[in-house]
N, C-alpha and C. Protein backbone atom coordinates (compact mmCIF):
# COMPACT_ATOMS: atom_id res chain seq x y z
N MET A 1 103.39 118.32 99.17
CA MET A 1 103.90 117.50 98.10
C MET A 1 105.40 117.33 98.30
N ARG A 2 105.82 116.08 98.18
CA ARG A 2 107.25 115.79 98.31
C ARG A 2 108.01 116.26 97.08
N PRO A 3 109.23 116.74 97.25
CA PRO A 3 110.03 117.11 96.08
C PRO A 3 110.47 115.86 95.32
N LEU A 4 110.73 116.02 94.04
CA LEU A 4 111.20 114.90 93.22
C LEU A 4 112.56 114.41 93.71
N THR A 5 112.69 113.11 93.76
CA THR A 5 113.98 112.51 94.08
C THR A 5 114.72 112.22 92.77
N LYS A 6 116.00 111.92 92.87
CA LYS A 6 116.76 111.54 91.67
C LYS A 6 116.18 110.29 91.03
N GLY A 7 115.66 109.38 91.89
CA GLY A 7 115.03 108.16 91.37
C GLY A 7 113.77 108.47 90.58
N ASN A 8 112.95 109.40 91.08
CA ASN A 8 111.74 109.81 90.34
C ASN A 8 112.11 110.43 89.00
N ILE A 9 113.08 111.31 89.02
CA ILE A 9 113.50 111.98 87.79
C ILE A 9 114.01 110.95 86.79
N LYS A 10 114.84 110.02 87.26
CA LYS A 10 115.38 108.98 86.38
C LYS A 10 114.25 108.16 85.77
N TYR A 11 113.27 107.78 86.60
CA TYR A 11 112.13 106.99 86.11
C TYR A 11 111.38 107.76 85.02
N ILE A 12 111.04 109.01 85.28
CA ILE A 12 110.28 109.81 84.34
C ILE A 12 111.04 109.98 83.02
N VAL A 13 112.33 110.21 83.10
CA VAL A 13 113.15 110.38 81.89
C VAL A 13 113.35 109.03 81.19
N ASP A 14 113.74 107.99 81.93
CA ASP A 14 114.01 106.69 81.32
C ASP A 14 112.77 106.07 80.69
N GLN A 15 111.61 106.29 81.31
CA GLN A 15 110.36 105.74 80.77
C GLN A 15 109.77 106.62 79.67
N ASP A 16 110.46 107.73 79.39
CA ASP A 16 109.99 108.68 78.39
C ASP A 16 108.54 109.07 78.67
N THR A 17 108.26 109.34 79.94
CA THR A 17 106.92 109.73 80.36
C THR A 17 106.57 111.07 79.71
N PRO A 18 105.49 111.10 78.92
CA PRO A 18 105.11 112.37 78.29
C PRO A 18 104.83 113.43 79.36
N ILE A 19 105.20 114.66 79.06
CA ILE A 19 105.03 115.73 80.04
C ILE A 19 103.55 115.91 80.39
N GLN A 20 102.65 115.64 79.46
CA GLN A 20 101.23 115.75 79.75
C GLN A 20 100.81 114.73 80.80
N GLN A 21 101.38 113.54 80.72
CA GLN A 21 101.07 112.49 81.68
C GLN A 21 101.61 112.86 83.05
N TYR A 22 102.81 113.38 83.10
CA TYR A 22 103.39 113.82 84.37
C TYR A 22 102.60 114.99 84.93
N PHE A 23 102.19 115.91 84.09
CA PHE A 23 101.37 117.04 84.52
C PHE A 23 100.08 116.54 85.18
N CYS A 24 99.42 115.53 84.57
CA CYS A 24 98.19 114.97 85.16
C CYS A 24 98.45 114.39 86.54
N SER A 25 99.56 113.69 86.70
CA SER A 25 99.91 113.12 88.01
C SER A 25 100.14 114.22 89.03
N LEU A 26 100.85 115.26 88.65
CA LEU A 26 101.09 116.38 89.56
C LEU A 26 99.80 117.09 89.94
N LEU A 27 98.96 117.33 88.97
CA LEU A 27 97.70 118.02 89.22
C LEU A 27 96.81 117.21 90.16
N LEU A 28 96.66 115.92 89.86
CA LEU A 28 95.85 115.05 90.70
C LEU A 28 96.42 114.97 92.12
N SER A 29 97.73 114.89 92.22
CA SER A 29 98.39 114.81 93.53
C SER A 29 98.15 116.06 94.36
N THR A 30 98.34 117.20 93.75
CA THR A 30 98.18 118.47 94.45
C THR A 30 96.74 118.66 94.90
N LEU A 31 95.81 118.40 94.01
CA LEU A 31 94.40 118.55 94.36
C LEU A 31 93.99 117.58 95.47
N ALA A 32 94.48 116.34 95.38
CA ALA A 32 94.14 115.34 96.40
C ALA A 32 94.66 115.75 97.77
N GLU A 33 95.81 116.38 97.82
CA GLU A 33 96.35 116.82 99.11
C GLU A 33 95.55 117.95 99.73
N LEU A 34 94.83 118.69 98.91
CA LEU A 34 94.04 119.82 99.41
C LEU A 34 92.69 119.40 99.98
N ILE A 35 92.30 118.17 99.74
CA ILE A 35 90.99 117.67 100.15
C ILE A 35 91.18 116.68 101.31
N GLU A 36 90.30 116.77 102.30
CA GLU A 36 90.43 115.89 103.46
C GLU A 36 90.28 114.42 103.10
N ASP A 37 89.27 114.07 102.31
CA ASP A 37 89.08 112.69 101.88
C ASP A 37 89.56 112.57 100.44
N SER A 38 90.86 112.38 100.29
CA SER A 38 91.48 112.42 98.96
C SER A 38 90.95 111.33 98.03
N GLN A 39 90.72 110.12 98.55
CA GLN A 39 90.24 109.05 97.66
C GLN A 39 88.83 109.36 97.17
N LEU A 40 87.99 109.89 98.03
CA LEU A 40 86.64 110.29 97.62
C LEU A 40 86.74 111.35 96.52
N PHE A 41 87.63 112.30 96.69
CA PHE A 41 87.82 113.36 95.69
C PHE A 41 88.27 112.77 94.36
N ILE A 42 89.30 111.95 94.39
CA ILE A 42 89.83 111.35 93.16
C ILE A 42 88.76 110.51 92.47
N ASP A 43 88.03 109.71 93.25
CA ASP A 43 86.98 108.89 92.67
C ASP A 43 85.88 109.75 92.05
N SER A 44 85.55 110.85 92.70
CA SER A 44 84.53 111.75 92.16
C SER A 44 84.99 112.38 90.84
N VAL A 45 86.25 112.76 90.77
CA VAL A 45 86.80 113.31 89.53
C VAL A 45 86.74 112.25 88.43
N MET A 46 87.11 111.02 88.73
CA MET A 46 87.11 109.96 87.73
C MET A 46 85.68 109.67 87.26
N GLU A 47 84.73 109.72 88.19
CA GLU A 47 83.34 109.50 87.81
C GLU A 47 82.85 110.59 86.87
N ALA A 48 83.32 111.82 87.09
CA ALA A 48 82.90 112.94 86.25
C ALA A 48 83.55 112.90 84.87
N ILE A 49 84.83 112.56 84.79
CA ILE A 49 85.52 112.62 83.50
C ILE A 49 85.45 111.32 82.70
N GLY A 50 85.12 110.22 83.35
CA GLY A 50 85.11 108.91 82.68
C GLY A 50 84.27 108.85 81.42
N PRO A 51 83.01 109.31 81.45
CA PRO A 51 82.20 109.24 80.23
C PRO A 51 82.79 110.03 79.07
N ASN A 52 83.32 111.23 79.33
CA ASN A 52 83.92 112.02 78.26
C ASN A 52 85.19 111.37 77.72
N LEU A 53 86.00 110.84 78.61
CA LEU A 53 87.22 110.16 78.18
C LEU A 53 86.88 108.95 77.31
N TYR A 54 85.87 108.21 77.70
CA TYR A 54 85.41 107.06 76.93
C TYR A 54 85.04 107.47 75.50
N VAL A 55 84.26 108.54 75.37
CA VAL A 55 83.82 109.01 74.06
C VAL A 55 85.02 109.42 73.20
N ILE A 56 85.98 110.11 73.79
CA ILE A 56 87.16 110.54 73.03
C ILE A 56 88.01 109.35 72.61
N LEU A 57 88.22 108.39 73.50
CA LEU A 57 89.01 107.20 73.14
C LEU A 57 88.35 106.45 71.98
N LYS A 58 87.02 106.37 71.99
CA LYS A 58 86.30 105.73 70.89
C LYS A 58 86.43 106.54 69.60
N ALA A 59 86.24 107.85 69.69
CA ALA A 59 86.31 108.70 68.50
C ALA A 59 87.69 108.66 67.86
N LYS A 60 88.73 108.52 68.68
CA LYS A 60 90.09 108.44 68.15
C LYS A 60 90.46 107.00 67.75
N LYS A 61 89.49 106.10 67.91
CA LYS A 61 89.67 104.67 67.58
C LYS A 61 90.80 104.03 68.38
N LEU A 62 90.96 104.49 69.63
CA LEU A 62 91.93 103.90 70.54
C LEU A 62 91.33 102.73 71.31
N ILE A 63 89.99 102.70 71.35
CA ILE A 63 89.28 101.55 71.88
C ILE A 63 88.22 101.16 70.86
N LYS A 64 87.76 99.91 70.93
CA LYS A 64 86.80 99.40 69.96
C LYS A 64 85.40 99.94 70.22
N GLU A 65 84.57 99.77 69.23
CA GLU A 65 83.17 100.18 69.33
C GLU A 65 82.41 99.28 70.30
N ASN A 66 82.69 97.97 70.26
CA ASN A 66 81.99 97.00 71.11
C ASN A 66 82.98 96.02 71.72
N TYR A 67 82.67 95.59 72.94
CA TYR A 67 83.49 94.61 73.65
C TYR A 67 82.60 93.49 74.16
N SER A 68 83.14 92.28 74.12
CA SER A 68 82.40 91.15 74.67
C SER A 68 82.77 90.89 76.13
N ASP A 69 83.95 91.38 76.56
CA ASP A 69 84.30 91.20 77.98
C ASP A 69 85.09 92.39 78.51
N PHE A 70 84.96 92.58 79.80
CA PHE A 70 85.57 93.70 80.51
C PHE A 70 87.09 93.61 80.47
N GLU A 71 87.61 92.38 80.43
CA GLU A 71 89.06 92.19 80.42
C GLU A 71 89.70 92.85 79.20
N ASP A 72 89.15 92.60 78.01
CA ASP A 72 89.69 93.20 76.79
C ASP A 72 89.55 94.72 76.82
N PHE A 73 88.45 95.18 77.37
CA PHE A 73 88.22 96.62 77.47
C PHE A 73 89.32 97.27 78.33
N ILE A 74 89.61 96.70 79.49
CA ILE A 74 90.64 97.25 80.37
C ILE A 74 92.01 97.23 79.69
N ARG A 75 92.32 96.16 78.99
CA ARG A 75 93.60 96.08 78.27
C ARG A 75 93.72 97.19 77.22
N ASP A 76 92.64 97.42 76.48
CA ASP A 76 92.68 98.46 75.45
C ASP A 76 92.78 99.86 76.05
N VAL A 77 92.09 100.10 77.16
CA VAL A 77 92.20 101.41 77.83
C VAL A 77 93.64 101.59 78.32
N ASN A 78 94.22 100.55 78.87
CA ASN A 78 95.62 100.63 79.30
C ASN A 78 96.53 100.99 78.13
N ASN A 79 96.35 100.33 77.02
CA ASN A 79 97.19 100.61 75.85
C ASN A 79 96.97 102.03 75.34
N ALA A 80 95.74 102.47 75.33
CA ALA A 80 95.41 103.81 74.83
C ALA A 80 96.00 104.91 75.71
N MET A 81 96.00 104.67 77.02
CA MET A 81 96.42 105.71 77.97
C MET A 81 97.85 105.50 78.48
N ASN A 82 98.49 104.39 78.12
CA ASN A 82 99.85 104.11 78.59
C ASN A 82 99.92 104.17 80.12
N ILE A 83 99.03 103.43 80.76
CA ILE A 83 98.91 103.45 82.22
C ILE A 83 100.05 102.68 82.88
N CYS A 84 100.24 101.45 82.43
CA CYS A 84 101.27 100.61 83.03
C CYS A 84 101.86 99.71 81.96
N ASP A 85 102.82 98.90 82.35
CA ASP A 85 103.57 98.10 81.37
C ASP A 85 102.76 96.95 80.79
N SER A 86 101.93 96.30 81.60
CA SER A 86 101.07 95.24 81.09
C SER A 86 99.93 95.00 82.08
N VAL A 87 98.92 94.30 81.58
CA VAL A 87 97.71 94.04 82.37
C VAL A 87 97.40 92.56 82.31
N ASN A 88 96.98 92.00 83.43
CA ASN A 88 96.47 90.64 83.47
C ASN A 88 95.14 90.69 84.23
N VAL A 89 94.13 90.06 83.67
CA VAL A 89 92.81 90.06 84.29
C VAL A 89 92.41 88.61 84.54
N ILE A 90 92.04 88.32 85.78
CA ILE A 90 91.62 86.97 86.14
C ILE A 90 90.14 87.00 86.52
N PRO A 91 89.29 86.43 85.66
CA PRO A 91 87.86 86.37 85.99
C PRO A 91 87.56 85.21 86.93
N ASP A 92 86.56 85.39 87.80
CA ASP A 92 86.13 84.33 88.71
C ASP A 92 84.66 84.54 89.01
N LYS A 93 83.81 83.78 88.34
CA LYS A 93 82.35 83.89 88.48
C LYS A 93 81.90 85.33 88.31
N ASP A 94 81.48 85.95 89.41
CA ASP A 94 80.95 87.32 89.37
C ASP A 94 81.97 88.36 89.81
N SER A 95 83.25 88.05 89.67
CA SER A 95 84.27 89.01 90.06
C SER A 95 85.45 88.97 89.10
N LEU A 96 86.28 90.00 89.19
CA LEU A 96 87.50 90.08 88.39
C LEU A 96 88.62 90.59 89.28
N VAL A 97 89.81 90.11 89.02
CA VAL A 97 90.99 90.66 89.67
C VAL A 97 91.88 91.18 88.54
N VAL A 98 92.21 92.48 88.61
CA VAL A 98 92.99 93.14 87.58
C VAL A 98 94.37 93.45 88.13
N TYR A 99 95.39 92.97 87.46
CA TYR A 99 96.78 93.25 87.82
C TYR A 99 97.35 94.27 86.85
N LEU A 100 97.74 95.41 87.36
CA LEU A 100 98.41 96.43 86.56
C LEU A 100 99.90 96.32 86.86
N TYR A 101 100.65 95.70 85.95
CA TYR A 101 102.07 95.43 86.19
C TYR A 101 102.94 96.64 85.88
N ARG A 102 103.92 96.83 86.75
CA ARG A 102 104.84 97.95 86.62
C ARG A 102 106.26 97.42 86.64
N ASN A 103 106.99 97.64 85.57
CA ASN A 103 108.38 97.17 85.52
C ASN A 103 109.27 97.95 86.47
N TYR A 104 108.91 99.20 86.76
CA TYR A 104 109.78 100.04 87.57
C TYR A 104 109.16 100.46 88.90
N GLY A 105 108.21 99.71 89.40
CA GLY A 105 107.73 99.95 90.76
C GLY A 105 106.44 100.71 90.90
N TYR A 106 106.01 101.47 89.90
CA TYR A 106 104.74 102.19 90.00
C TYR A 106 104.21 102.53 88.62
N CYS A 107 102.92 102.75 88.54
CA CYS A 107 102.33 103.06 87.24
C CYS A 107 102.68 104.49 86.85
N LYS A 108 102.40 104.81 85.64
CA LYS A 108 102.84 106.08 85.07
C LYS A 108 101.97 107.27 85.44
N TYR A 109 100.91 107.04 86.22
CA TYR A 109 100.03 108.12 86.67
C TYR A 109 99.96 108.20 88.19
N CYS A 110 100.71 107.42 88.89
CA CYS A 110 100.57 107.31 90.34
C CYS A 110 100.69 108.68 91.03
N PRO A 111 99.60 109.13 91.70
CA PRO A 111 99.64 110.42 92.39
C PRO A 111 100.66 110.44 93.53
N VAL A 112 100.93 109.29 94.11
CA VAL A 112 101.85 109.22 95.24
C VAL A 112 103.30 109.12 94.76
N ASN A 113 103.60 108.12 93.94
CA ASN A 113 104.99 107.89 93.54
C ASN A 113 105.48 108.76 92.39
N ILE A 114 104.62 109.09 91.46
CA ILE A 114 105.03 109.99 90.37
C ILE A 114 104.74 111.43 90.76
N GLY A 115 103.54 111.67 91.27
CA GLY A 115 103.13 113.03 91.60
C GLY A 115 103.64 113.56 92.92
N GLY A 116 104.09 112.68 93.81
CA GLY A 116 104.66 113.10 95.09
C GLY A 116 103.66 113.44 96.17
N ALA A 117 102.40 113.03 96.00
CA ALA A 117 101.37 113.34 97.00
C ALA A 117 101.66 112.62 98.31
N ASP A 118 101.38 113.28 99.38
CA ASP A 118 101.52 112.70 100.71
C ASP A 118 100.12 112.29 101.17
N LEU A 119 99.70 111.08 100.78
CA LEU A 119 98.34 110.61 101.02
C LEU A 119 98.33 109.36 101.89
N VAL A 120 97.24 109.18 102.63
CA VAL A 120 97.03 107.94 103.38
C VAL A 120 96.54 106.86 102.43
N SER A 121 95.66 107.23 101.49
CA SER A 121 95.12 106.27 100.53
C SER A 121 96.12 106.09 99.38
N THR A 122 95.79 105.18 98.48
CA THR A 122 96.64 105.00 97.30
C THR A 122 96.49 106.19 96.36
N GLY A 123 95.33 106.82 96.39
CA GLY A 123 95.06 107.91 95.47
C GLY A 123 94.88 107.43 94.03
N CYS A 124 94.75 106.14 93.85
CA CYS A 124 94.67 105.56 92.51
C CYS A 124 93.38 105.96 91.81
N PRO A 125 93.50 106.51 90.60
CA PRO A 125 92.30 106.90 89.86
C PRO A 125 91.66 105.77 89.06
N PHE A 126 92.36 104.66 88.88
CA PHE A 126 91.92 103.67 87.91
C PHE A 126 90.81 102.72 88.34
N PRO A 127 90.66 102.33 89.60
CA PRO A 127 89.51 101.46 89.92
C PRO A 127 88.19 102.08 89.47
N VAL A 128 87.96 103.33 89.82
CA VAL A 128 86.69 103.97 89.47
C VAL A 128 86.67 104.38 88.00
N LEU A 129 87.81 104.80 87.43
CA LEU A 129 87.82 105.17 86.02
C LEU A 129 87.45 103.97 85.15
N PHE A 130 88.05 102.80 85.41
CA PHE A 130 87.70 101.60 84.64
C PHE A 130 86.22 101.26 84.85
N GLU A 131 85.76 101.40 86.09
CA GLU A 131 84.36 101.09 86.41
C GLU A 131 83.41 101.99 85.61
N VAL A 132 83.65 103.30 85.63
CA VAL A 132 82.76 104.26 84.97
C VAL A 132 82.83 104.11 83.45
N MET A 133 84.03 104.00 82.91
CA MET A 133 84.15 103.81 81.47
C MET A 133 83.58 102.47 81.04
N GLY A 134 83.76 101.45 81.89
CA GLY A 134 83.18 100.14 81.61
C GLY A 134 81.66 100.21 81.56
N LYS A 135 81.08 101.00 82.44
CA LYS A 135 79.62 101.18 82.42
C LYS A 135 79.18 101.77 81.09
N GLU A 136 79.95 102.74 80.57
CA GLU A 136 79.65 103.33 79.27
C GLU A 136 79.71 102.28 78.16
N ALA A 137 80.58 101.28 78.34
CA ALA A 137 80.73 100.21 77.35
C ALA A 137 79.75 99.06 77.58
N GLY A 138 78.90 99.19 78.62
CA GLY A 138 77.88 98.18 78.87
C GLY A 138 78.21 97.16 79.94
N PHE A 139 79.28 97.35 80.68
CA PHE A 139 79.66 96.40 81.73
C PHE A 139 79.16 96.87 83.09
N GLU A 140 78.92 95.94 83.96
CA GLU A 140 78.39 96.24 85.29
C GLU A 140 79.31 95.69 86.37
N TYR A 141 80.40 96.39 86.58
CA TYR A 141 81.36 96.01 87.62
C TYR A 141 81.58 97.19 88.55
N LYS A 142 81.75 96.87 89.83
CA LYS A 142 82.07 97.86 90.86
C LYS A 142 83.42 97.51 91.47
N ALA A 143 84.23 98.53 91.66
CA ALA A 143 85.50 98.32 92.34
C ALA A 143 85.22 98.01 93.80
N THR A 144 85.87 96.97 94.30
CA THR A 144 85.68 96.60 95.71
C THR A 144 86.95 96.73 96.52
N GLY A 145 88.05 97.06 95.86
CA GLY A 145 89.30 97.25 96.60
C GLY A 145 90.49 97.37 95.68
N ILE A 146 91.57 97.85 96.26
CA ILE A 146 92.84 97.94 95.54
C ILE A 146 93.95 97.72 96.55
N LYS A 147 94.99 97.04 96.11
CA LYS A 147 96.17 96.91 96.96
C LYS A 147 97.40 96.98 96.08
N ARG A 148 98.44 97.48 96.68
CA ARG A 148 99.71 97.65 95.97
C ARG A 148 100.62 96.49 96.34
N GLU A 149 101.13 95.81 95.32
CA GLU A 149 102.12 94.75 95.52
C GLU A 149 103.45 95.24 94.95
N GLU A 150 104.47 94.43 95.09
CA GLU A 150 105.81 94.87 94.68
C GLU A 150 105.88 95.32 93.23
N ARG A 151 105.35 94.55 92.32
CA ARG A 151 105.44 94.88 90.90
C ARG A 151 104.07 95.08 90.23
N ALA A 152 103.01 95.19 91.03
CA ALA A 152 101.68 95.36 90.44
C ALA A 152 100.75 96.04 91.44
N CYS A 153 99.80 96.76 90.89
CA CYS A 153 98.66 97.21 91.68
C CYS A 153 97.54 96.25 91.32
N VAL A 154 96.81 95.79 92.32
CA VAL A 154 95.76 94.80 92.11
C VAL A 154 94.42 95.46 92.43
N ILE A 155 93.52 95.44 91.44
CA ILE A 155 92.19 96.03 91.61
C ILE A 155 91.18 94.89 91.60
N TYR A 156 90.26 94.94 92.56
CA TYR A 156 89.22 93.92 92.68
C TYR A 156 87.88 94.51 92.24
N TYR A 157 87.16 93.73 91.41
CA TYR A 157 85.84 94.14 90.94
C TYR A 157 84.83 93.05 91.22
N LYS A 158 83.61 93.47 91.44
CA LYS A 158 82.49 92.56 91.64
C LYS A 158 81.43 92.93 90.61
N LYS A 159 80.87 91.92 89.96
CA LYS A 159 79.78 92.17 89.01
C LYS A 159 78.53 92.54 89.82
N VAL A 160 77.86 93.58 89.39
CA VAL A 160 76.64 94.04 90.07
C VAL A 160 75.50 94.08 89.08
N LYS A 161 74.31 94.00 89.60
CA LYS A 161 73.12 94.03 88.75
C LYS A 161 72.78 95.45 88.31
N ASN A 162 73.01 96.40 89.21
CA ASN A 162 72.61 97.76 88.92
C ASN A 162 73.75 98.70 89.31
N ASN A 163 74.53 99.11 88.35
CA ASN A 163 75.68 99.97 88.60
C ASN A 163 75.21 101.42 88.63
N ILE A 164 74.77 101.87 89.79
CA ILE A 164 74.19 103.20 89.95
C ILE A 164 75.27 104.23 90.15
N LYS A 165 75.20 105.31 89.38
CA LYS A 165 76.18 106.39 89.50
C LYS A 165 76.16 106.96 90.93
N GLY A 166 77.35 107.16 91.49
CA GLY A 166 77.44 107.78 92.80
C GLY A 166 77.39 106.80 93.96
N ILE A 167 77.24 105.52 93.72
CA ILE A 167 77.18 104.54 94.80
C ILE A 167 78.30 103.54 94.61
N ASN A 168 79.25 103.51 95.53
CA ASN A 168 80.34 102.55 95.44
C ASN A 168 80.29 101.66 96.66
N ILE A 169 80.22 100.36 96.43
CA ILE A 169 79.99 99.44 97.53
C ILE A 169 81.12 99.33 98.52
N ILE A 170 82.30 99.86 98.23
CA ILE A 170 83.37 99.78 99.23
C ILE A 170 83.60 101.10 99.93
N GLY A 171 82.78 102.07 99.66
CA GLY A 171 82.89 103.32 100.39
C GLY A 171 83.72 104.39 99.71
N TYR A 172 84.11 104.19 98.43
CA TYR A 172 84.77 105.29 97.72
C TYR A 172 83.84 106.48 97.68
N LYS A 173 82.54 106.23 97.56
CA LYS A 173 81.55 107.31 97.49
C LYS A 173 80.76 107.39 98.76
């Protein structure tokens, strides 16, 4: 794990990042570095915790009881968890492109940039977390990719007929 830079410290302090959120980034980063296939590990953790997190967010009324579209669901999860500064979702037939915008270069949970993990993958927990929690809400989308842009992380989803636990079409699982 890389040591914190002055820039990281400034970001965490200036963004008033809750210590619990920073702790989660550090924990995920450290654990990911200990596993050979870090993205598989992170995705497996998200698949395991997603249903419980969904139930708690609903019980605390941080997300609605019912959603008509996946886009609103992702926006509400972002607001509930303070993931990034804003979200834009672009639907296209049987797919979605989700932009997680970051005013300061990275999201508030990034295992690499906040947590300091030295990973080959992005280590991003959100493609699979949104997928699994979305399944709990009745949506059938699979993450098909993620890429990091200058001011946003872009997650790609494809609508699927049968969202089977443990099977990810892009090889996360």
